[in-house]
Amino acid sequence: MGKTVEFFFDFGSPNAYLAMQVLPDIAARAGAELKVSPALLGGIFKITGNQSPMTAFGAVQGKLAYESLETRRFVARHGLTRFAQNPHFPVNTLLIMRGLVAARRMGVETAYLAAVLSGMWEQGLKMDDPEVVAGVLTTAGLDAKALLEATQDPDVKAELMAGTERAATRGVFGIPTFFVGDEMFFGKDRLSQVEEELNR
């Protein structure tokens, strides 16, 4: 069996966007398969008792400013010039995460990921508005009507919840989290360790 890196993912995390711009190349260099596993970040927080950095560290002097610095360094290091903070942040990602599950079932996961990531973290759109999402999907050449209808499918809803619960069971407490076998790595700044593990 070939190597696999599993990425527990939610569109709502800017660091998930940033990691997604870098991780595919890491997987390709290592000859590994990249598996994106949808999991609701809010659900993970609820299960694990975790909080968003804004809530957890908002009162810590210098902490969020340093996190912003690290983001700018990451963006510069990898030439991610299209990245922009979303003015509507935080965005409720339930609809677009269900859409990701549906897109995989419909065989359009890669195109869906690219379109929604761009809408969220490059164009700064309000991606919890179904009309906005429909426009993004249509522009990308996807069947927006079918995808949005599929987000109401009970099986799609159940699959996303099961993925969220599976993430927490594996020890995930935030996103982005990566697994190479049983080895867990949290945060975009651990991607070099992910690559080292893949090449072990």
N, C-alpha and C. Protein backbone atom coordinates (compact mmCIF):
# COMPACT_ATOMS: atom_id res chain seq x y z
N MET A 1 0.84 -1.20 0.00
CA MET A 1 0.00 0.00 0.00
C MET A 1 0.87 1.24 0.00
N GLY A 2 0.52 2.25 -0.85
CA GLY A 2 1.29 3.48 -0.92
C GLY A 2 1.08 4.35 0.30
N LYS A 3 1.92 5.37 0.40
CA LYS A 3 1.82 6.31 1.51
C LYS A 3 0.63 7.25 1.32
N THR A 4 0.04 7.64 2.43
CA THR A 4 -1.10 8.56 2.41
C THR A 4 -0.91 9.61 3.48
N VAL A 5 -1.24 10.86 3.16
CA VAL A 5 -1.35 11.90 4.17
C VAL A 5 -2.81 12.31 4.21
N GLU A 6 -3.40 12.19 5.39
CA GLU A 6 -4.79 12.55 5.57
C GLU A 6 -4.87 13.94 6.18
N PHE A 7 -5.69 14.79 5.58
CA PHE A 7 -5.82 16.18 5.98
C PHE A 7 -7.25 16.40 6.49
N PHE A 8 -7.41 16.57 7.81
CA PHE A 8 -8.72 16.93 8.36
C PHE A 8 -8.94 18.41 8.11
N PHE A 9 -10.02 18.73 7.41
CA PHE A 9 -10.15 20.01 6.73
C PHE A 9 -11.51 20.66 6.96
N ASP A 10 -11.49 22.00 7.12
CA ASP A 10 -12.70 22.82 7.12
C ASP A 10 -12.35 24.13 6.41
N PHE A 11 -13.22 24.57 5.49
CA PHE A 11 -12.99 25.80 4.74
C PHE A 11 -12.86 27.02 5.65
N GLY A 12 -13.39 26.96 6.86
CA GLY A 12 -13.42 28.12 7.74
C GLY A 12 -12.09 28.51 8.31
N SER A 13 -11.08 27.66 8.19
CA SER A 13 -9.77 27.96 8.75
C SER A 13 -8.86 28.57 7.68
N PRO A 14 -8.37 29.79 7.89
CA PRO A 14 -7.42 30.35 6.93
C PRO A 14 -6.17 29.49 6.82
N ASN A 15 -5.78 28.87 7.92
CA ASN A 15 -4.60 28.01 7.88
C ASN A 15 -4.85 26.74 7.07
N ALA A 16 -6.11 26.31 6.99
CA ALA A 16 -6.43 25.18 6.12
C ALA A 16 -6.23 25.57 4.65
N TYR A 17 -6.66 26.79 4.30
CA TYR A 17 -6.41 27.29 2.94
C TYR A 17 -4.92 27.29 2.66
N LEU A 18 -4.14 27.88 3.56
CA LEU A 18 -2.71 28.01 3.34
C LEU A 18 -2.05 26.64 3.21
N ALA A 19 -2.45 25.72 4.08
CA ALA A 19 -1.88 24.37 4.00
C ALA A 19 -2.23 23.69 2.68
N MET A 20 -3.44 23.92 2.20
CA MET A 20 -3.88 23.29 0.96
C MET A 20 -3.10 23.77 -0.25
N GLN A 21 -2.51 24.95 -0.15
CA GLN A 21 -1.69 25.45 -1.25
C GLN A 21 -0.32 24.80 -1.30
N VAL A 22 0.09 24.19 -0.19
CA VAL A 22 1.45 23.64 -0.08
C VAL A 22 1.46 22.11 -0.03
N LEU A 23 0.47 21.54 0.65
CA LEU A 23 0.47 20.10 0.91
C LEU A 23 0.43 19.24 -0.36
N PRO A 24 -0.34 19.59 -1.40
CA PRO A 24 -0.34 18.73 -2.59
C PRO A 24 1.06 18.53 -3.19
N ASP A 25 1.87 19.58 -3.19
CA ASP A 25 3.23 19.44 -3.72
C ASP A 25 4.08 18.55 -2.82
N ILE A 26 3.88 18.66 -1.51
CA ILE A 26 4.61 17.80 -0.58
C ILE A 26 4.24 16.34 -0.84
N ALA A 27 2.96 16.07 -0.97
CA ALA A 27 2.51 14.70 -1.24
C ALA A 27 3.08 14.20 -2.56
N ALA A 28 3.07 15.04 -3.58
CA ALA A 28 3.58 14.62 -4.90
C ALA A 28 5.07 14.30 -4.83
N ARG A 29 5.84 15.13 -4.13
CA ARG A 29 7.28 14.87 -4.01
C ARG A 29 7.56 13.55 -3.31
N ALA A 30 6.69 13.21 -2.36
CA ALA A 30 6.88 11.99 -1.57
C ALA A 30 6.22 10.77 -2.23
N GLY A 31 5.54 11.00 -3.35
CA GLY A 31 4.83 9.90 -3.99
C GLY A 31 3.68 9.39 -3.14
N ALA A 32 3.03 10.31 -2.43
CA ALA A 32 1.97 9.94 -1.50
C ALA A 32 0.62 10.44 -2.00
N GLU A 33 -0.43 9.77 -1.56
CA GLU A 33 -1.80 10.19 -1.85
C GLU A 33 -2.24 11.19 -0.79
N LEU A 34 -2.89 12.27 -1.23
CA LEU A 34 -3.48 13.24 -0.30
C LEU A 34 -4.96 12.94 -0.17
N LYS A 35 -5.40 12.68 1.05
CA LYS A 35 -6.81 12.42 1.34
C LYS A 35 -7.34 13.57 2.18
N VAL A 36 -8.31 14.30 1.63
CA VAL A 36 -8.94 15.39 2.36
C VAL A 36 -10.17 14.84 3.07
N SER A 37 -10.20 14.99 4.39
CA SER A 37 -11.29 14.45 5.20
C SER A 37 -12.09 15.61 5.82
N PRO A 38 -13.30 15.86 5.31
CA PRO A 38 -14.11 16.96 5.83
C PRO A 38 -14.48 16.74 7.30
N ALA A 39 -14.32 17.79 8.09
CA ALA A 39 -14.69 17.74 9.51
C ALA A 39 -15.04 19.16 9.95
N LEU A 40 -16.15 19.32 10.63
CA LEU A 40 -16.59 20.65 11.05
C LEU A 40 -15.76 21.15 12.23
N LEU A 41 -15.08 22.27 12.02
CA LEU A 41 -14.23 22.81 13.07
C LEU A 41 -15.03 23.15 14.32
N GLY A 42 -16.22 23.73 14.13
CA GLY A 42 -17.06 24.04 15.29
C GLY A 42 -17.45 22.80 16.06
N GLY A 43 -17.73 21.72 15.34
CA GLY A 43 -18.07 20.46 15.99
C GLY A 43 -16.90 19.89 16.76
N ILE A 44 -15.71 20.00 16.18
CA ILE A 44 -14.50 19.54 16.88
C ILE A 44 -14.29 20.34 18.15
N PHE A 45 -14.46 21.67 18.07
CA PHE A 45 -14.32 22.50 19.27
C PHE A 45 -15.31 22.06 20.35
N LYS A 46 -16.54 21.79 19.93
CA LYS A 46 -17.56 21.40 20.90
C LYS A 46 -17.23 20.08 21.57
N ILE A 47 -16.78 19.12 20.78
CA ILE A 47 -16.47 17.79 21.32
C ILE A 47 -15.27 17.84 22.25
N THR A 48 -14.25 18.62 21.88
CA THR A 48 -12.98 18.60 22.60
C THR A 48 -12.86 19.68 23.66
N GLY A 49 -13.79 20.66 23.66
CA GLY A 49 -13.68 21.76 24.60
C GLY A 49 -12.68 22.81 24.17
N ASN A 50 -12.25 22.77 22.92
CA ASN A 50 -11.31 23.76 22.40
C ASN A 50 -12.05 25.05 22.04
N GLN A 51 -11.29 26.10 21.74
CA GLN A 51 -11.85 27.39 21.35
C GLN A 51 -11.05 27.94 20.17
N SER A 52 -11.65 28.88 19.46
CA SER A 52 -10.92 29.54 18.38
C SER A 52 -9.77 30.36 18.98
N PRO A 53 -8.70 30.58 18.22
CA PRO A 53 -7.60 31.40 18.73
C PRO A 53 -8.06 32.79 19.18
N MET A 54 -9.02 33.38 18.46
CA MET A 54 -9.51 34.71 18.83
C MET A 54 -10.12 34.70 20.22
N THR A 55 -10.84 33.62 20.54
CA THR A 55 -11.46 33.51 21.86
C THR A 55 -10.43 33.11 22.91
N ALA A 56 -9.61 32.13 22.57
CA ALA A 56 -8.67 31.58 23.55
C ALA A 56 -7.54 32.55 23.88
N PHE A 57 -7.05 33.29 22.87
CA PHE A 57 -5.85 34.09 23.06
C PHE A 57 -6.06 35.59 22.87
N GLY A 58 -7.33 36.00 22.67
CA GLY A 58 -7.60 37.40 22.39
C GLY A 58 -7.09 38.36 23.45
N ALA A 59 -7.05 37.90 24.69
CA ALA A 59 -6.61 38.78 25.78
C ALA A 59 -5.12 38.63 26.10
N VAL A 60 -4.43 37.75 25.38
CA VAL A 60 -3.00 37.53 25.65
C VAL A 60 -2.18 38.55 24.87
N GLN A 61 -1.47 39.40 25.58
CA GLN A 61 -0.72 40.46 24.92
C GLN A 61 0.29 39.89 23.92
N GLY A 62 0.20 40.33 22.68
CA GLY A 62 1.17 39.95 21.66
C GLY A 62 0.89 38.65 20.93
N LYS A 63 0.01 37.80 21.47
CA LYS A 63 -0.19 36.46 20.90
C LYS A 63 -0.78 36.52 19.49
N LEU A 64 -1.89 37.23 19.32
CA LEU A 64 -2.53 37.26 18.00
C LEU A 64 -1.69 38.05 17.00
N ALA A 65 -0.98 39.06 17.47
CA ALA A 65 -0.09 39.81 16.58
C ALA A 65 1.01 38.90 16.05
N TYR A 66 1.52 38.02 16.92
CA TYR A 66 2.56 37.09 16.47
C TYR A 66 1.99 36.07 15.49
N GLU A 67 0.77 35.59 15.75
CA GLU A 67 0.14 34.65 14.82
C GLU A 67 0.00 35.30 13.44
N SER A 68 -0.36 36.57 13.42
CA SER A 68 -0.49 37.29 12.16
C SER A 68 0.87 37.39 11.45
N LEU A 69 1.92 37.63 12.22
CA LEU A 69 3.27 37.68 11.67
C LEU A 69 3.65 36.34 11.04
N GLU A 70 3.35 35.25 11.74
CA GLU A 70 3.67 33.92 11.20
C GLU A 70 2.91 33.65 9.90
N THR A 71 1.67 34.12 9.84
CA THR A 71 0.89 33.96 8.61
C THR A 71 1.55 34.72 7.47
N ARG A 72 1.96 35.96 7.72
CA ARG A 72 2.62 36.75 6.67
C ARG A 72 3.91 36.09 6.21
N ARG A 73 4.65 35.52 7.14
CA ARG A 73 5.88 34.83 6.78
C ARG A 73 5.60 33.61 5.91
N PHE A 74 4.57 32.85 6.26
CA PHE A 74 4.20 31.66 5.50
C PHE A 74 3.77 32.05 4.09
N VAL A 75 2.95 33.08 4.00
CA VAL A 75 2.47 33.56 2.71
C VAL A 75 3.64 33.99 1.84
N ALA A 76 4.59 34.72 2.42
CA ALA A 76 5.75 35.18 1.66
C ALA A 76 6.65 34.02 1.26
N ARG A 77 6.87 33.09 2.17
CA ARG A 77 7.77 31.96 1.90
C ARG A 77 7.28 31.13 0.71
N HIS A 78 5.96 30.98 0.61
CA HIS A 78 5.40 30.12 -0.42
C HIS A 78 4.79 30.89 -1.59
N GLY A 79 4.95 32.21 -1.59
CA GLY A 79 4.47 33.02 -2.70
C GLY A 79 2.96 32.96 -2.90
N LEU A 80 2.21 32.96 -1.80
CA LEU A 80 0.75 32.81 -1.87
C LEU A 80 0.09 34.18 -1.99
N THR A 81 0.33 34.82 -3.10
CA THR A 81 -0.06 36.22 -3.28
C THR A 81 -1.57 36.41 -3.41
N ARG A 82 -2.32 35.35 -3.69
CA ARG A 82 -3.77 35.50 -3.84
C ARG A 82 -4.49 35.47 -2.50
N PHE A 83 -3.80 35.08 -1.43
CA PHE A 83 -4.45 34.96 -0.12
C PHE A 83 -4.89 36.31 0.41
N ALA A 84 -6.11 36.36 0.93
CA ALA A 84 -6.61 37.58 1.58
C ALA A 84 -7.53 37.18 2.72
N GLN A 85 -7.43 37.88 3.83
CA GLN A 85 -8.34 37.62 4.95
C GLN A 85 -9.77 37.90 4.51
N ASN A 86 -10.69 37.04 4.94
CA ASN A 86 -12.09 37.21 4.56
C ASN A 86 -12.76 38.23 5.48
N PRO A 87 -13.33 39.31 4.92
CA PRO A 87 -13.94 40.35 5.76
C PRO A 87 -15.18 39.88 6.50
N HIS A 88 -15.73 38.73 6.11
CA HIS A 88 -16.92 38.19 6.77
C HIS A 88 -16.57 37.17 7.85
N PHE A 89 -15.28 36.96 8.09
CA PHE A 89 -14.82 35.96 9.05
C PHE A 89 -15.31 36.30 10.46
N PRO A 90 -15.77 35.31 11.25
CA PRO A 90 -15.88 33.89 10.91
C PRO A 90 -17.15 33.59 10.09
N VAL A 91 -17.01 32.68 9.17
CA VAL A 91 -18.10 32.28 8.27
C VAL A 91 -18.61 30.91 8.70
N ASN A 92 -19.92 30.76 8.76
CA ASN A 92 -20.53 29.45 9.05
C ASN A 92 -20.32 28.55 7.83
N THR A 93 -19.56 27.49 8.00
CA THR A 93 -19.16 26.66 6.85
C THR A 93 -20.02 25.41 6.68
N LEU A 94 -21.10 25.28 7.42
CA LEU A 94 -21.89 24.05 7.35
C LEU A 94 -22.33 23.74 5.92
N LEU A 95 -22.84 24.75 5.20
CA LEU A 95 -23.32 24.53 3.84
C LEU A 95 -22.19 24.09 2.91
N ILE A 96 -21.09 24.81 2.92
CA ILE A 96 -20.02 24.48 1.98
C ILE A 96 -19.27 23.20 2.37
N MET A 97 -19.29 22.84 3.65
CA MET A 97 -18.69 21.58 4.05
C MET A 97 -19.57 20.40 3.63
N ARG A 98 -20.88 20.54 3.78
CA ARG A 98 -21.77 19.51 3.23
C ARG A 98 -21.60 19.43 1.72
N GLY A 99 -21.40 20.59 1.10
CA GLY A 99 -21.16 20.62 -0.33
C GLY A 99 -19.92 19.86 -0.73
N LEU A 100 -18.89 19.91 0.11
CA LEU A 100 -17.67 19.16 -0.18
C LEU A 100 -17.93 17.66 -0.17
N VAL A 101 -18.71 17.21 0.81
CA VAL A 101 -19.08 15.79 0.85
C VAL A 101 -19.85 15.42 -0.42
N ALA A 102 -20.81 16.28 -0.78
CA ALA A 102 -21.60 16.02 -1.98
C ALA A 102 -20.74 16.03 -3.24
N ALA A 103 -19.80 16.97 -3.31
CA ALA A 103 -18.92 17.06 -4.48
C ALA A 103 -18.09 15.80 -4.64
N ARG A 104 -17.63 15.25 -3.55
CA ARG A 104 -16.87 13.99 -3.63
C ARG A 104 -17.75 12.89 -4.19
N ARG A 105 -18.97 12.81 -3.71
CA ARG A 105 -19.90 11.78 -4.20
C ARG A 105 -20.19 11.95 -5.69
N MET A 106 -20.15 13.20 -6.16
CA MET A 106 -20.45 13.50 -7.56
C MET A 106 -19.21 13.50 -8.45
N GLY A 107 -18.04 13.25 -7.86
CA GLY A 107 -16.81 13.16 -8.64
C GLY A 107 -16.20 14.48 -9.03
N VAL A 108 -16.53 15.57 -8.30
CA VAL A 108 -16.01 16.89 -8.65
C VAL A 108 -15.31 17.54 -7.45
N GLU A 109 -14.75 16.73 -6.58
CA GLU A 109 -14.15 17.25 -5.35
C GLU A 109 -13.04 18.26 -5.62
N THR A 110 -12.14 17.95 -6.55
CA THR A 110 -10.99 18.83 -6.79
C THR A 110 -11.44 20.20 -7.27
N ALA A 111 -12.36 20.23 -8.23
CA ALA A 111 -12.85 21.51 -8.74
C ALA A 111 -13.62 22.27 -7.67
N TYR A 112 -14.39 21.56 -6.87
CA TYR A 112 -15.17 22.19 -5.80
C TYR A 112 -14.23 22.81 -4.77
N LEU A 113 -13.23 22.06 -4.34
CA LEU A 113 -12.27 22.58 -3.38
C LEU A 113 -11.63 23.87 -3.88
N ALA A 114 -11.16 23.84 -5.12
CA ALA A 114 -10.48 25.02 -5.68
C ALA A 114 -11.42 26.22 -5.72
N ALA A 115 -12.66 26.00 -6.16
CA ALA A 115 -13.61 27.10 -6.30
C ALA A 115 -13.97 27.71 -4.96
N VAL A 116 -14.29 26.86 -3.98
CA VAL A 116 -14.75 27.37 -2.69
C VAL A 116 -13.59 27.98 -1.90
N LEU A 117 -12.42 27.39 -1.97
CA LEU A 117 -11.25 27.99 -1.32
C LEU A 117 -10.97 29.38 -1.89
N SER A 118 -11.08 29.51 -3.20
CA SER A 118 -10.87 30.81 -3.83
C SER A 118 -11.91 31.83 -3.37
N GLY A 119 -13.17 31.42 -3.37
CA GLY A 119 -14.23 32.32 -2.93
C GLY A 119 -14.03 32.78 -1.51
N MET A 120 -13.58 31.86 -0.67
CA MET A 120 -13.45 32.14 0.76
C MET A 120 -12.20 32.95 1.09
N TRP A 121 -11.03 32.55 0.53
CA TRP A 121 -9.76 33.09 1.00
C TRP A 121 -8.97 33.84 -0.07
N GLU A 122 -9.58 34.06 -1.22
CA GLU A 122 -8.95 34.91 -2.22
C GLU A 122 -9.87 36.06 -2.60
N GLN A 123 -11.16 35.74 -2.80
CA GLN A 123 -12.13 36.76 -3.21
C GLN A 123 -12.84 37.41 -2.02
N GLY A 124 -12.73 36.82 -0.84
CA GLY A 124 -13.33 37.41 0.36
C GLY A 124 -14.84 37.43 0.34
N LEU A 125 -15.46 36.39 -0.21
CA LEU A 125 -16.91 36.36 -0.35
C LEU A 125 -17.58 35.78 0.89
N LYS A 126 -18.85 36.07 1.01
CA LYS A 126 -19.64 35.60 2.16
C LYS A 126 -20.15 34.20 1.84
N MET A 127 -19.33 33.21 2.16
CA MET A 127 -19.56 31.86 1.68
C MET A 127 -20.52 31.05 2.56
N ASP A 128 -21.31 31.73 3.39
CA ASP A 128 -22.43 31.06 4.05
C ASP A 128 -23.76 31.55 3.46
N ASP A 129 -23.67 32.32 2.39
CA ASP A 129 -24.85 32.78 1.66
C ASP A 129 -25.05 31.86 0.46
N PRO A 130 -26.15 31.10 0.42
CA PRO A 130 -26.34 30.13 -0.67
C PRO A 130 -26.27 30.75 -2.06
N GLU A 131 -26.75 31.98 -2.21
CA GLU A 131 -26.70 32.62 -3.52
C GLU A 131 -25.27 32.93 -3.94
N VAL A 132 -24.46 33.35 -2.98
CA VAL A 132 -23.05 33.61 -3.26
C VAL A 132 -22.34 32.31 -3.63
N VAL A 133 -22.60 31.27 -2.85
CA VAL A 133 -21.99 29.96 -3.13
C VAL A 133 -22.39 29.47 -4.51
N ALA A 134 -23.66 29.61 -4.85
CA ALA A 134 -24.13 29.18 -6.16
C ALA A 134 -23.40 29.92 -7.27
N GLY A 135 -23.18 31.21 -7.09
CA GLY A 135 -22.46 31.98 -8.09
C GLY A 135 -21.03 31.51 -8.26
N VAL A 136 -20.36 31.21 -7.15
CA VAL A 136 -18.98 30.71 -7.20
C VAL A 136 -18.91 29.37 -7.93
N LEU A 137 -19.84 28.49 -7.61
CA LEU A 137 -19.83 27.16 -8.22
C LEU A 137 -20.14 27.24 -9.71
N THR A 138 -21.11 28.07 -10.05
CA THR A 138 -21.48 28.22 -11.46
C THR A 138 -20.32 28.78 -12.27
N THR A 139 -19.64 29.79 -11.73
CA THR A 139 -18.49 30.38 -12.41
C THR A 139 -17.40 29.34 -12.65
N ALA A 140 -17.28 28.39 -11.73
CA ALA A 140 -16.27 27.33 -11.86
C ALA A 140 -16.72 26.20 -12.79
N GLY A 141 -17.92 26.33 -13.36
CA GLY A 141 -18.41 25.31 -14.27
C GLY A 141 -19.04 24.12 -13.58
N LEU A 142 -19.39 24.26 -12.32
CA LEU A 142 -20.00 23.18 -11.56
C LEU A 142 -21.52 23.33 -11.55
N ASP A 143 -22.20 22.23 -11.27
CA ASP A 143 -23.66 22.24 -11.21
C ASP A 143 -24.10 22.70 -9.82
N ALA A 144 -24.25 24.01 -9.69
CA ALA A 144 -24.55 24.59 -8.39
C ALA A 144 -25.86 24.07 -7.83
N LYS A 145 -26.87 23.95 -8.68
CA LYS A 145 -28.18 23.51 -8.21
C LYS A 145 -28.10 22.10 -7.63
N ALA A 146 -27.46 21.19 -8.35
CA ALA A 146 -27.35 19.81 -7.87
C ALA A 146 -26.54 19.73 -6.59
N LEU A 147 -25.46 20.48 -6.53
CA LEU A 147 -24.60 20.43 -5.34
C LEU A 147 -25.32 20.99 -4.12
N LEU A 148 -25.99 22.13 -4.29
CA LEU A 148 -26.69 22.72 -3.15
C LEU A 148 -27.88 21.87 -2.71
N GLU A 149 -28.56 21.28 -3.65
CA GLU A 149 -29.65 20.36 -3.28
C GLU A 149 -29.10 19.17 -2.50
N ALA A 150 -27.93 18.68 -2.89
CA ALA A 150 -27.34 17.51 -2.23
C ALA A 150 -26.93 17.80 -0.80
N THR A 151 -26.73 19.09 -0.47
CA THR A 151 -26.36 19.42 0.92
C THR A 151 -27.48 19.11 1.89
N GLN A 152 -28.70 18.91 1.38
CA GLN A 152 -29.84 18.58 2.23
C GLN A 152 -30.10 17.09 2.31
N ASP A 153 -29.29 16.31 1.62
CA ASP A 153 -29.42 14.85 1.64
C ASP A 153 -29.04 14.34 3.04
N PRO A 154 -29.91 13.58 3.71
CA PRO A 154 -29.58 13.08 5.04
C PRO A 154 -28.29 12.28 5.09
N ASP A 155 -27.97 11.56 4.02
CA ASP A 155 -26.73 10.79 4.00
C ASP A 155 -25.51 11.69 3.96
N VAL A 156 -25.59 12.80 3.22
CA VAL A 156 -24.50 13.76 3.17
C VAL A 156 -24.31 14.39 4.55
N LYS A 157 -25.40 14.80 5.17
CA LYS A 157 -25.32 15.38 6.52
C LYS A 157 -24.69 14.39 7.51
N ALA A 158 -25.12 13.14 7.43
CA ALA A 158 -24.62 12.13 8.36
C ALA A 158 -23.14 11.85 8.12
N GLU A 159 -22.72 11.87 6.86
CA GLU A 159 -21.31 11.61 6.56
C GLU A 159 -20.41 12.70 7.13
N LEU A 160 -20.86 13.95 7.03
CA LEU A 160 -20.06 15.04 7.57
C LEU A 160 -19.98 14.95 9.10
N MET A 161 -21.07 14.64 9.75
CA MET A 161 -21.04 14.51 11.20
C MET A 161 -20.17 13.34 11.63
N ALA A 162 -20.25 12.24 10.88
CA ALA A 162 -19.41 11.07 11.20
C ALA A 162 -17.94 11.41 11.03
N GLY A 163 -17.61 12.19 10.00
CA GLY A 163 -16.23 12.60 9.78
C GLY A 163 -15.72 13.49 10.90
N THR A 164 -16.60 14.35 11.40
CA THR A 164 -16.24 15.23 12.51
C THR A 164 -15.98 14.43 13.78
N GLU A 165 -16.84 13.47 14.04
CA GLU A 165 -16.67 12.62 15.22
C GLU A 165 -15.42 11.75 15.10
N ARG A 166 -15.15 11.25 13.89
CA ARG A 166 -13.96 10.42 13.68
C ARG A 166 -12.69 11.24 13.92
N ALA A 167 -12.72 12.50 13.48
CA ALA A 167 -11.57 13.37 13.71
C ALA A 167 -11.27 13.51 15.20
N ALA A 168 -12.32 13.82 15.97
CA ALA A 168 -12.13 14.01 17.41
C ALA A 168 -11.67 12.71 18.07
N THR A 169 -12.20 11.59 17.62
CA THR A 169 -11.80 10.30 18.17
C THR A 169 -10.32 10.02 17.93
N ARG A 170 -9.81 10.48 16.79
CA ARG A 170 -8.40 10.27 16.45
C ARG A 170 -7.48 11.23 17.20
N GLY A 171 -8.05 12.21 17.90
CA GLY A 171 -7.23 13.15 18.66
C GLY A 171 -7.17 14.54 18.08
N VAL A 172 -7.93 14.78 17.00
CA VAL A 172 -7.94 16.11 16.39
C VAL A 172 -8.65 17.10 17.31
N PHE A 173 -8.03 18.25 17.55
CA PHE A 173 -8.64 19.30 18.38
C PHE A 173 -8.74 20.61 17.63
N GLY A 174 -8.20 20.68 16.43
CA GLY A 174 -8.23 21.89 15.62
C GLY A 174 -7.87 21.55 14.18
N ILE A 175 -7.98 22.55 13.32
CA ILE A 175 -7.71 22.37 11.90
C ILE A 175 -6.80 23.51 11.45
N PRO A 176 -5.78 23.16 10.64
CA PRO A 176 -5.53 21.92 9.92
C PRO A 176 -4.76 20.89 10.76
N THR A 177 -5.20 19.64 10.65
CA THR A 177 -4.51 18.52 11.27
C THR A 177 -4.23 17.48 10.19
N PHE A 178 -3.06 16.89 10.27
CA PHE A 178 -2.62 15.92 9.27
C PHE A 178 -2.20 14.62 9.96
N PHE A 179 -2.45 13.52 9.28
CA PHE A 179 -1.98 12.22 9.75
C PHE A 179 -1.17 11.55 8.66
N VAL A 180 -0.01 11.02 9.04
CA VAL A 180 0.74 10.10 8.21
C VAL A 180 0.79 8.80 9.00
N GLY A 181 -0.01 7.83 8.59
CA GLY A 181 -0.20 6.65 9.42
C GLY A 181 -0.86 7.07 10.72
N ASP A 182 -0.24 6.70 11.85
CA ASP A 182 -0.78 7.07 13.15
C ASP A 182 -0.16 8.35 13.71
N GLU A 183 0.77 8.93 12.97
CA GLU A 183 1.45 10.14 13.44
C GLU A 183 0.61 11.37 13.11
N MET A 184 0.29 12.15 14.14
CA MET A 184 -0.53 13.35 13.97
C MET A 184 0.33 14.60 14.00
N PHE A 185 -0.01 15.55 13.13
CA PHE A 185 0.68 16.84 13.06
C PHE A 185 -0.39 17.93 12.98
N PHE A 186 -0.27 18.95 13.83
CA PHE A 186 -1.26 20.03 13.85
C PHE A 186 -0.64 21.33 13.39
N GLY A 187 -1.33 22.01 12.48
CA GLY A 187 -0.94 23.35 12.08
C GLY A 187 -0.10 23.38 10.81
N LYS A 188 -0.26 24.45 10.05
CA LYS A 188 0.47 24.59 8.79
C LYS A 188 1.98 24.62 9.01
N ASP A 189 2.41 25.04 10.19
CA ASP A 189 3.84 25.14 10.44
C ASP A 189 4.48 23.78 10.74
N ARG A 190 3.68 22.71 10.70
CA ARG A 190 4.22 21.35 10.86
C ARG A 190 4.36 20.63 9.53
N LEU A 191 4.14 21.34 8.43
CA LEU A 191 4.17 20.67 7.14
C LEU A 191 5.54 20.11 6.80
N SER A 192 6.60 20.74 7.26
CA SER A 192 7.94 20.17 7.02
C SER A 192 8.08 18.84 7.75
N GLN A 193 7.46 18.73 8.92
CA GLN A 193 7.49 17.45 9.65
C GLN A 193 6.65 16.40 8.94
N VAL A 194 5.53 16.82 8.34
CA VAL A 194 4.73 15.90 7.55
C VAL A 194 5.56 15.35 6.41
N GLU A 195 6.30 16.22 5.74
CA GLU A 195 7.13 15.76 4.61
C GLU A 195 8.23 14.81 5.09
N GLU A 196 8.84 15.13 6.21
CA GLU A 196 9.87 14.24 6.76
C GLU A 196 9.28 12.87 7.06
N GLU A 197 8.08 12.84 7.63
CA GLU A 197 7.46 11.56 7.97
C GLU A 197 7.12 10.77 6.71
N LEU A 198 6.65 11.45 5.68
CA LEU A 198 6.33 10.77 4.42
C LEU A 198 7.56 10.17 3.77
N ASN A 199 8.71 10.81 3.98
CA ASN A 199 9.95 10.35 3.35
C ASN A 199 10.75 9.40 4.23
N ARG A 200 10.17 9.06 5.37
CA ARG A 200 10.88 8.18 6.30
C ARG A 200 11.02 6.77 5.73
